[in-house]
């Protein structure tokens, strides 16, 4: 194992995971805007995704070659209040449990108490689902007969195939535009729903390209201040890669890995 990997691995193992409210705060601020609700649900969600990638903190760690953190720093774990909104008691459990605790600082608890919980309680997908379930199901759940997925985590699976190794997001956007142009609004009763879903896809592709460009800018800023010539060269290479992918198809293994990590 190379020294670079040893250092990054050791750092990953040593840092205690913690809850970051960054994503929850950005999402709450986004959905508080009345103008959001003029759009269809798919477009709302795509614009929310874009808002997060345009505004979340960009972090590139020392020695990293593949960049992109889900939070503002390593082991900073975002929450998904639109899926399931943690209570203050949930945050205490995460902070205090013996196995795999997630540190929750006082500023995060205060933000949840004052902003996140008041807005999302009753609006979260989990809350909506529970309102629709029959009393027998709820009674069985509360008795501990079973649990449910979104109580524990946000849904997230990677299903990509090999498209991303042959096409960039600019190519996908062209395909989306062509598909929208072929929709038959006179004969297809689902044409409007299809168009809204396709528009949302295009917005998400744009968001990912913006996110990559923000990493390119960060890498160039770091390179300008880097005293180690080898690391400066790496940072400039990272910037060049992020300017190419995911907008365009990868040309080599490094670009392919970075593209995959972004999406």
C-alpha atoms as a PDB file:
ATOM      1  CA  UNK A   1       0.000   0.000   0.000  1.00  0.00           C
ATOM      2  CA  UNK A   2       1.443   3.374  -1.019  1.00  0.00           C
ATOM      3  CA  UNK A   3       2.102   6.064   1.598  1.00  0.00           C
ATOM      4  CA  UNK A   4      -0.627   8.270   0.100  1.00  0.00           C
ATOM      5  CA  UNK A   5      -3.232   5.532   0.574  1.00  0.00           C
ATOM      6  CA  UNK A   6      -1.936   4.694   4.056  1.00  0.00           C
ATOM      7  CA  UNK A   7      -2.302   8.313   5.175  1.00  0.00           C
ATOM      8  CA  UNK A   8      -5.765   8.767   3.691  1.00  0.00           C
ATOM      9  CA  UNK A   9      -6.929   5.425   5.112  1.00  0.00           C
ATOM     10  CA  UNK A  10      -5.547   6.222   8.569  1.00  0.00           C
ATOM     11  CA  UNK A  11      -7.255   9.606   8.535  1.00  0.00           C
ATOM     12  CA  UNK A  12     -10.539   8.006   7.499  1.00  0.00           C
ATOM     13  CA  UNK A  13     -10.349   5.519  10.363  1.00  0.00           C
ATOM     14  CA  UNK A  14      -9.295   8.070  12.977  1.00  0.00           C
ATOM     15  CA  UNK A  15     -11.908  10.755  12.345  1.00  0.00           C
ATOM     16  CA  UNK A  16     -15.123  10.314  14.301  1.00  0.00           C
ATOM     17  CA  UNK A  17     -18.162  10.636  12.028  1.00  0.00           C
ATOM     18  CA  UNK A  18     -20.426  13.563  12.735  1.00  0.00           C
ATOM     19  CA  UNK A  19     -23.736  14.962  11.555  1.00  0.00           C
ATOM     20  CA  UNK A  20     -23.523  18.030   9.355  1.00  0.00           C
ATOM     21  CA  UNK A  21     -26.696  20.107   8.977  1.00  0.00           C
ATOM     22  CA  UNK A  22     -25.394  21.711   5.767  1.00  0.00           C
ATOM     23  CA  UNK A  23     -27.632  19.794   3.357  1.00  0.00           C
ATOM     24  CA  UNK A  24     -30.697  19.984   5.606  1.00  0.00           C
ATOM     25  CA  UNK A  25     -30.297  23.751   5.940  1.00  0.00           C
ATOM     26  CA  UNK A  26     -29.862  24.314   2.192  1.00  0.00           C
ATOM     27  CA  UNK A  27     -32.868  22.132   1.394  1.00  0.00           C
ATOM     28  CA  UNK A  28     -35.059  23.836   3.987  1.00  0.00           C
ATOM     29  CA  UNK A  29     -34.134  27.286   2.703  1.00  0.00           C
ATOM     30  CA  UNK A  30     -34.912  26.135  -0.843  1.00  0.00           C
ATOM     31  CA  UNK A  31     -38.372  24.749  -0.044  1.00  0.00           C
ATOM     32  CA  UNK A  32     -39.287  27.802   2.002  1.00  0.00           C
ATOM     33  CA  UNK A  33     -39.359  29.844  -1.210  1.00  0.00           C
ATOM     34  CA  UNK A  34     -42.975  30.193  -2.447  1.00  0.00           C
ATOM     35  CA  UNK A  35     -41.764  30.347  -6.061  1.00  0.00           C
ATOM     36  CA  UNK A  36     -40.629  26.701  -5.866  1.00  0.00           C
ATOM     37  CA  UNK A  37     -44.201  25.420  -5.890  1.00  0.00           C
ATOM     38  CA  UNK A  38     -45.010  26.718  -9.362  1.00  0.00           C
ATOM     39  CA  UNK A  39     -43.003  23.784 -10.740  1.00  0.00           C
ATOM     40  CA  UNK A  40     -43.887  20.109 -11.079  1.00  0.00           C
ATOM     41  CA  UNK A  41     -42.628  17.719  -8.385  1.00  0.00           C
ATOM     42  CA  UNK A  42     -39.812  16.267 -10.555  1.00  0.00           C
ATOM     43  CA  UNK A  43     -38.581  19.755 -11.446  1.00  0.00           C
ATOM     44  CA  UNK A  44     -38.835  20.890  -7.813  1.00  0.00           C
ATOM     45  CA  UNK A  45     -36.619  18.010  -6.740  1.00  0.00           C
ATOM     46  CA  UNK A  46     -34.138  18.647  -9.546  1.00  0.00           C
ATOM     47  CA  UNK A  47     -33.900  22.333  -8.637  1.00  0.00           C
ATOM     48  CA  UNK A  48     -33.384  21.371  -4.989  1.00  0.00           C
ATOM     49  CA  UNK A  49     -30.546  19.067  -6.055  1.00  0.00           C
ATOM     50  CA  UNK A  50     -29.043  21.879  -8.108  1.00  0.00           C
ATOM     51  CA  UNK A  51     -29.313  24.283  -5.170  1.00  0.00           C
ATOM     52  CA  UNK A  52     -27.356  21.871  -2.975  1.00  0.00           C
ATOM     53  CA  UNK A  53     -24.566  21.309  -5.508  1.00  0.00           C
ATOM     54  CA  UNK A  54     -24.303  25.032  -6.223  1.00  0.00           C
ATOM     55  CA  UNK A  55     -23.979  25.965  -2.552  1.00  0.00           C
ATOM     56  CA  UNK A  56     -22.467  23.124  -0.523  1.00  0.00           C
ATOM     57  CA  UNK A  57     -18.905  23.602   0.666  1.00  0.00           C
ATOM     58  CA  UNK A  58     -16.214  22.150  -1.609  1.00  0.00           C
ATOM     59  CA  UNK A  59     -13.481  20.169   0.126  1.00  0.00           C
ATOM     60  CA  UNK A  60     -10.316  18.651  -1.355  1.00  0.00           C
ATOM     61  CA  UNK A  61      -8.169  16.825   1.166  1.00  0.00           C
ATOM     62  CA  UNK A  62      -4.400  16.673   1.295  1.00  0.00           C
ATOM     63  CA  UNK A  63      -3.155  13.948  -1.033  1.00  0.00           C
ATOM     64  CA  UNK A  64      -6.522  13.208  -2.654  1.00  0.00           C
ATOM     65  CA  UNK A  65      -6.629  12.416  -6.359  1.00  0.00           C
ATOM     66  CA  UNK A  66     -10.358  11.614  -6.637  1.00  0.00           C
ATOM     67  CA  UNK A  67     -12.390  14.504  -5.246  1.00  0.00           C
ATOM     68  CA  UNK A  68     -15.925  15.034  -4.000  1.00  0.00           C
ATOM     69  CA  UNK A  69     -17.241  14.867  -0.428  1.00  0.00           C
ATOM     70  CA  UNK A  70     -20.897  14.362   0.470  1.00  0.00           C
ATOM     71  CA  UNK A  71     -20.423  16.868   3.293  1.00  0.00           C
ATOM     72  CA  UNK A  72     -18.111  19.826   3.979  1.00  0.00           C
ATOM     73  CA  UNK A  73     -15.299  17.559   5.268  1.00  0.00           C
ATOM     74  CA  UNK A  74     -14.381  13.864   5.629  1.00  0.00           C
ATOM     75  CA  UNK A  75     -16.845  11.875   7.764  1.00  0.00           C
ATOM     76  CA  UNK A  76     -19.291  14.806   7.772  1.00  0.00           C
ATOM     77  CA  UNK A  77     -22.595  13.010   7.304  1.00  0.00           C
ATOM     78  CA  UNK A  78     -25.538  14.910   5.786  1.00  0.00           C
ATOM     79  CA  UNK A  79     -29.150  14.297   6.710  1.00  0.00           C
ATOM     80  CA  UNK A  80     -32.239  13.968   4.510  1.00  0.00           C
ATOM     81  CA  UNK A  81     -35.143  15.682   6.283  1.00  0.00           C
ATOM     82  CA  UNK A  82     -37.343  15.455   3.191  1.00  0.00           C
ATOM     83  CA  UNK A  83     -37.188  11.654   3.550  1.00  0.00           C
ATOM     84  CA  UNK A  84     -37.230  11.309   7.336  1.00  0.00           C
ATOM     85  CA  UNK A  85     -36.797  14.186   9.768  1.00  0.00           C
ATOM     86  CA  UNK A  86     -34.760  13.305  12.844  1.00  0.00           C
ATOM     87  CA  UNK A  87     -36.128  14.366  16.208  1.00  0.00           C
ATOM     88  CA  UNK A  88     -33.914  15.806  18.937  1.00  0.00           C
ATOM     89  CA  UNK A  89     -34.142  12.403  20.623  1.00  0.00           C
ATOM     90  CA  UNK A  90     -32.879  10.747  17.422  1.00  0.00           C
ATOM     91  CA  UNK A  91     -29.905  13.116  17.383  1.00  0.00           C
ATOM     92  CA  UNK A  92     -29.135  12.270  21.012  1.00  0.00           C
ATOM     93  CA  UNK A  93     -29.177   8.551  20.191  1.00  0.00           C
ATOM     94  CA  UNK A  94     -26.805   9.092  17.258  1.00  0.00           C
ATOM     95  CA  UNK A  95     -24.468  11.122  19.450  1.00  0.00           C
ATOM     96  CA  UNK A  96     -24.459   8.832  22.494  1.00  0.00           C
ATOM     97  CA  UNK A  97     -24.809   5.272  21.206  1.00  0.00           C
ATOM     98  CA  UNK A  98     -21.907   2.931  21.908  1.00  0.00           C
ATOM     99  CA  UNK A  99     -21.506   1.445  18.438  1.00  0.00           C
ATOM    100  CA  UNK A 100     -20.778   3.769  15.515  1.00  0.00           C
ATOM    101  CA  UNK A 101     -21.860   7.057  17.095  1.00  0.00           C
ATOM    102  CA  UNK A 102     -22.254  10.214  15.018  1.00  0.00           C
ATOM    103  CA  UNK A 103     -21.248  13.343  16.901  1.00  0.00           C
ATOM    104  CA  UNK A 104     -23.964  15.997  17.020  1.00  0.00           C
ATOM    105  CA  UNK A 105     -22.800  19.389  18.248  1.00  0.00           C
ATOM    106  CA  UNK A 106     -24.989  21.951  19.978  1.00  0.00           C
ATOM    107  CA  UNK A 107     -25.273  24.219  16.929  1.00  0.00           C
ATOM    108  CA  UNK A 108     -26.701  21.314  14.896  1.00  0.00           C
ATOM    109  CA  UNK A 109     -29.231  20.478  17.625  1.00  0.00           C
ATOM    110  CA  UNK A 110     -30.263  24.123  17.821  1.00  0.00           C
ATOM    111  CA  UNK A 111     -30.689  24.390  14.046  1.00  0.00           C
ATOM    112  CA  UNK A 112     -32.832  21.249  14.056  1.00  0.00           C
ATOM    113  CA  UNK A 113     -34.941  22.528  16.927  1.00  0.00           C
ATOM    114  CA  UNK A 114     -35.488  25.999  15.481  1.00  0.00           C
ATOM    115  CA  UNK A 115     -35.602  25.430  11.703  1.00  0.00           C
ATOM    116  CA  UNK A 116     -35.387  21.875  10.386  1.00  0.00           C
ATOM    117  CA  UNK A 117     -37.936  20.067  12.578  1.00  0.00           C
ATOM    118  CA  UNK A 118     -40.603  22.830  12.500  1.00  0.00           C
ATOM    119  CA  UNK A 119     -40.516  22.924   8.697  1.00  0.00           C
ATOM    120  CA  UNK A 120     -40.256  19.199   7.870  1.00  0.00           C
ATOM    121  CA  UNK A 121     -42.323  17.565  10.600  1.00  0.00           C
ATOM    122  CA  UNK A 122     -45.398  16.295   8.757  1.00  0.00           C
ATOM    123  CA  UNK A 123     -43.923  17.113   5.331  1.00  0.00           C
ATOM    124  CA  UNK A 124     -41.276  14.371   5.179  1.00  0.00           C
ATOM    125  CA  UNK A 125     -41.996  11.412   2.891  1.00  0.00           C
ATOM    126  CA  UNK A 126     -41.935   9.046   5.859  1.00  0.00           C
ATOM    127  CA  UNK A 127     -44.556  11.123   7.694  1.00  0.00           C
ATOM    128  CA  UNK A 128     -46.793  11.161   4.611  1.00  0.00           C
ATOM    129  CA  UNK A 129     -46.493   7.384   4.188  1.00  0.00           C
ATOM    130  CA  UNK A 130     -47.307   6.733   7.845  1.00  0.00           C
ATOM    131  CA  UNK A 131     -50.470   8.827   7.568  1.00  0.00           C
ATOM    132  CA  UNK A 132     -51.672   6.557   4.759  1.00  0.00           C
ATOM    133  CA  UNK A 133     -51.034   3.235   6.517  1.00  0.00           C
ATOM    134  CA  UNK A 134     -53.879   1.408   8.244  1.00  0.00           C
ATOM    135  CA  UNK A 135     -54.014   1.206  12.074  1.00  0.00           C
ATOM    136  CA  UNK A 136     -53.046  -2.481  12.116  1.00  0.00           C
ATOM    137  CA  UNK A 137     -49.803  -1.745  10.248  1.00  0.00           C
ATOM    138  CA  UNK A 138     -48.953   1.161  12.563  1.00  0.00           C
ATOM    139  CA  UNK A 139     -49.707  -0.951  15.651  1.00  0.00           C
ATOM    140  CA  UNK A 140     -47.435  -3.747  14.406  1.00  0.00           C
ATOM    141  CA  UNK A 141     -44.680  -1.247  13.653  1.00  0.00           C
ATOM    142  CA  UNK A 142     -44.935   0.429  17.052  1.00  0.00           C
ATOM    143  CA  UNK A 143     -44.877  -2.990  18.734  1.00  0.00           C
ATOM    144  CA  UNK A 144     -41.535  -3.707  17.064  1.00  0.00           C
ATOM    145  CA  UNK A 145     -42.766  -6.474  14.762  1.00  0.00           C
ATOM    146  CA  UNK A 146     -40.723  -4.905  11.945  1.00  0.00           C
ATOM    147  CA  UNK A 147     -38.816  -1.768  11.049  1.00  0.00           C
ATOM    148  CA  UNK A 148     -38.776   0.176   7.792  1.00  0.00           C
ATOM    149  CA  UNK A 149     -35.998   1.350   5.526  1.00  0.00           C
ATOM    150  CA  UNK A 150     -36.353   5.125   5.672  1.00  0.00           C
ATOM    151  CA  UNK A 151     -36.300   5.153   9.456  1.00  0.00           C
ATOM    152  CA  UNK A 152     -32.625   4.258   9.278  1.00  0.00           C
ATOM    153  CA  UNK A 153     -31.200   5.888   6.172  1.00  0.00           C
ATOM    154  CA  UNK A 154     -31.876   7.743   2.957  1.00  0.00           C
ATOM    155  CA  UNK A 155     -32.473   5.534  -0.075  1.00  0.00           C
ATOM    156  CA  UNK A 156     -29.506   5.453  -2.396  1.00  0.00           C
ATOM    157  CA  UNK A 157     -28.289   2.909  -4.902  1.00  0.00           C
ATOM    158  CA  UNK A 158     -25.969   3.225  -7.884  1.00  0.00           C
ATOM    159  CA  UNK A 159     -27.423   1.895 -11.133  1.00  0.00           C
ATOM    160  CA  UNK A 160     -25.300   3.218 -13.963  1.00  0.00           C
ATOM    161  CA  UNK A 161     -24.314   0.567 -16.483  1.00  0.00           C
ATOM    162  CA  UNK A 162     -21.509   1.675 -18.799  1.00  0.00           C
ATOM    163  CA  UNK A 163     -23.128   4.756 -20.343  1.00  0.00           C
ATOM    164  CA  UNK A 164     -20.972   7.184 -18.391  1.00  0.00           C
ATOM    165  CA  UNK A 165     -17.812   5.721 -19.895  1.00  0.00           C
ATOM    166  CA  UNK A 166     -19.048   6.445 -23.409  1.00  0.00           C
ATOM    167  CA  UNK A 167     -21.026   9.680 -23.019  1.00  0.00           C
ATOM    168  CA  UNK A 168     -20.721  12.905 -21.097  1.00  0.00           C
ATOM    169  CA  UNK A 169     -23.596  14.768 -19.494  1.00  0.00           C
ATOM    170  CA  UNK A 170     -23.628  17.191 -22.431  1.00  0.00           C
ATOM    171  CA  UNK A 171     -24.433  14.179 -24.621  1.00  0.00           C
ATOM    172  CA  UNK A 172     -27.209  13.139 -22.243  1.00  0.00           C
ATOM    173  CA  UNK A 173     -28.659  16.652 -22.326  1.00  0.00           C
ATOM    174  CA  UNK A 174     -28.790  16.517 -26.138  1.00  0.00           C
ATOM    175  CA  UNK A 175     -30.608  13.175 -25.968  1.00  0.00           C
ATOM    176  CA  UNK A 176     -33.061  14.626 -23.461  1.00  0.00           C
ATOM    177  CA  UNK A 177     -33.768  17.639 -25.689  1.00  0.00           C
ATOM    178  CA  UNK A 178     -34.337  15.361 -28.683  1.00  0.00           C
ATOM    179  CA  UNK A 179     -36.693  13.146 -26.674  1.00  0.00           C
ATOM    180  CA  UNK A 180     -38.705  16.154 -25.497  1.00  0.00           C
ATOM    181  CA  UNK A 181     -38.984  17.363 -29.100  1.00  0.00           C
ATOM    182  CA  UNK A 182     -40.501  13.997 -30.112  1.00  0.00           C
ATOM    183  CA  UNK A 183     -43.229  13.999 -27.447  1.00  0.00           C
ATOM    184  CA  UNK A 184     -46.750  13.875 -28.855  1.00  0.00           C
ATOM    185  CA  UNK A 185     -48.920  16.067 -26.641  1.00  0.00           C
ATOM    186  CA  UNK A 186     -52.013  15.442 -28.792  1.00  0.00           C
ATOM    187  CA  UNK A 187     -51.990  11.645 -28.649  1.00  0.00           C
ATOM    188  CA  UNK A 188     -49.987  10.721 -25.562  1.00  0.00           C
ATOM    189  CA  UNK A 189     -51.824  11.463 -22.278  1.00  0.00           C
ATOM    190  CA  UNK A 190     -48.552  11.005 -20.387  1.00  0.00           C
ATOM    191  CA  UNK A 191     -46.591  13.467 -22.531  1.00  0.00           C
ATOM    192  CA  UNK A 192     -46.682  16.244 -19.930  1.00  0.00           C
ATOM    193  CA  UNK A 193     -45.446  13.958 -17.133  1.00  0.00           C
ATOM    194  CA  UNK A 194     -42.703  12.632 -19.409  1.00  0.00           C
ATOM    195  CA  UNK A 195     -41.611  16.157 -20.307  1.00  0.00           C
ATOM    196  CA  UNK A 196     -41.390  17.202 -16.651  1.00  0.00           C
ATOM    197  CA  UNK A 197     -39.311  14.141 -15.787  1.00  0.00           C
ATOM    198  CA  UNK A 198     -37.008  14.799 -18.741  1.00  0.00           C
ATOM    199  CA  UNK A 199     -36.659  18.470 -17.778  1.00  0.00           C
ATOM    200  CA  UNK A 200     -35.686  17.360 -14.270  1.00  0.00           C
ATOM    201  CA  UNK A 201     -33.045  15.017 -15.706  1.00  0.00           C
ATOM    202  CA  UNK A 202     -31.552  17.877 -17.698  1.00  0.00           C
ATOM    203  CA  UNK A 203     -31.441  20.128 -14.627  1.00  0.00           C
ATOM    204  CA  UNK A 204     -29.680  17.399 -12.627  1.00  0.00           C
ATOM    205  CA  UNK A 205     -27.105  16.947 -15.387  1.00  0.00           C
ATOM    206  CA  UNK A 206     -26.475  20.691 -15.355  1.00  0.00           C
ATOM    207  CA  UNK A 207     -26.137  20.618 -11.562  1.00  0.00           C
ATOM    208  CA  UNK A 208     -23.485  17.903 -11.687  1.00  0.00           C
ATOM    209  CA  UNK A 209     -21.465  19.837 -14.261  1.00  0.00           C
ATOM    210  CA  UNK A 210     -21.611  22.942 -12.061  1.00  0.00           C
ATOM    211  CA  UNK A 211     -20.477  20.835  -9.102  1.00  0.00           C
ATOM    212  CA  UNK A 212     -17.497  19.540 -11.078  1.00  0.00           C
ATOM    213  CA  UNK A 213     -16.557  23.055 -12.194  1.00  0.00           C
ATOM    214  CA  UNK A 214     -16.617  24.208  -8.576  1.00  0.00           C
ATOM    215  CA  UNK A 215     -14.102  21.468  -7.761  1.00  0.00           C
ATOM    216  CA  UNK A 216     -11.940  22.571 -10.685  1.00  0.00           C
ATOM    217  CA  UNK A 217     -11.957  26.131  -9.377  1.00  0.00           C
ATOM    218  CA  UNK A 218     -11.114  24.970  -5.844  1.00  0.00           C
ATOM    219  CA  UNK A 219      -8.235  22.821  -7.112  1.00  0.00           C
ATOM    220  CA  UNK A 220      -6.776  25.739  -9.075  1.00  0.00           C
ATOM    221  CA  UNK A 221      -7.031  28.013  -6.030  1.00  0.00           C
ATOM    222  CA  UNK A 222      -5.231  25.412  -3.922  1.00  0.00           C
ATOM    223  CA  UNK A 223      -2.568  24.918  -6.604  1.00  0.00           C
ATOM    224  CA  UNK A 224      -1.825  28.646  -6.597  1.00  0.00           C
ATOM    225  CA  UNK A 225      -1.000  28.435  -2.878  1.00  0.00           C
ATOM    226  CA  UNK A 226       0.745  25.035  -2.905  1.00  0.00           C
ATOM    227  CA  UNK A 227       4.501  25.071  -2.192  1.00  0.00           C
ATOM    228  CA  UNK A 228       5.105  21.417  -3.088  1.00  0.00           C
ATOM    229  CA  UNK A 229       5.633  21.258  -6.882  1.00  0.00           C
ATOM    230  CA  UNK A 230       4.429  17.649  -7.133  1.00  0.00           C
ATOM    231  CA  UNK A 231       1.195  18.382  -5.283  1.00  0.00           C
ATOM    232  CA  UNK A 232       0.716  21.572  -7.311  1.00  0.00           C
ATOM    233  CA  UNK A 233       0.957  19.488 -10.477  1.00  0.00           C
ATOM    234  CA  UNK A 234      -1.616  17.024  -9.104  1.00  0.00           C
ATOM    235  CA  UNK A 235      -4.042  19.802  -8.186  1.00  0.00           C
ATOM    236  CA  UNK A 236      -3.797  21.296 -11.662  1.00  0.00           C
ATOM    237  CA  UNK A 237      -4.443  17.841 -13.131  1.00  0.00           C
ATOM    238  CA  UNK A 238      -7.480  17.440 -10.854  1.00  0.00           C
ATOM    239  CA  UNK A 239      -8.753  20.809 -12.095  1.00  0.00           C
ATOM    240  CA  UNK A 240      -8.310  19.785 -15.731  1.00  0.00           C
ATOM    241  CA  UNK A 241     -10.113  16.490 -15.109  1.00  0.00           C
ATOM    242  CA  UNK A 242     -13.047  18.194 -13.372  1.00  0.00           C
ATOM    243  CA  UNK A 243     -13.320  20.610 -16.280  1.00  0.00           C
ATOM    244  CA  UNK A 244     -13.644  17.645 -18.648  1.00  0.00           C
ATOM    245  CA  UNK A 245     -15.807  15.169 -16.725  1.00  0.00           C
ATOM    246  CA  UNK A 246     -18.663  14.656 -16.200  1.00  0.00           C
ATOM    247  CA  UNK A 247     -19.511  17.125 -18.981  1.00  0.00           C
ATOM    248  CA  UNK A 248     -17.717  14.938 -21.531  1.00  0.00           C
ATOM    249  CA  UNK A 249     -16.863  11.261 -21.825  1.00  0.00           C
ATOM    250  CA  UNK A 250     -13.720  10.194 -19.944  1.00  0.00           C
ATOM    251  CA  UNK A 251     -10.514   9.739 -21.921  1.00  0.00           C
ATOM    252  CA  UNK A 252      -8.556   7.682 -19.397  1.00  0.00           C
ATOM    253  CA  UNK A 253      -8.892   5.670 -16.182  1.00  0.00           C
ATOM    254  CA  UNK A 254      -8.419   8.640 -13.831  1.00  0.00           C
ATOM    255  CA  UNK A 255     -11.171  10.589 -15.584  1.00  0.00           C
ATOM    256  CA  UNK A 256     -13.431   7.525 -15.573  1.00  0.00           C
ATOM    257  CA  UNK A 257     -13.018   7.106 -11.810  1.00  0.00           C
ATOM    258  CA  UNK A 258     -13.690  10.799 -11.187  1.00  0.00           C
ATOM    259  CA  UNK A 259     -16.781  10.744 -13.416  1.00  0.00           C
ATOM    260  CA  UNK A 260     -18.108   7.690 -11.573  1.00  0.00           C
ATOM    261  CA  UNK A 261     -17.474   9.316  -8.185  1.00  0.00           C
ATOM    262  CA  UNK A 262     -19.288  12.505  -9.169  1.00  0.00           C
ATOM    263  CA  UNK A 263     -22.407  10.711 -10.364  1.00  0.00           C
END
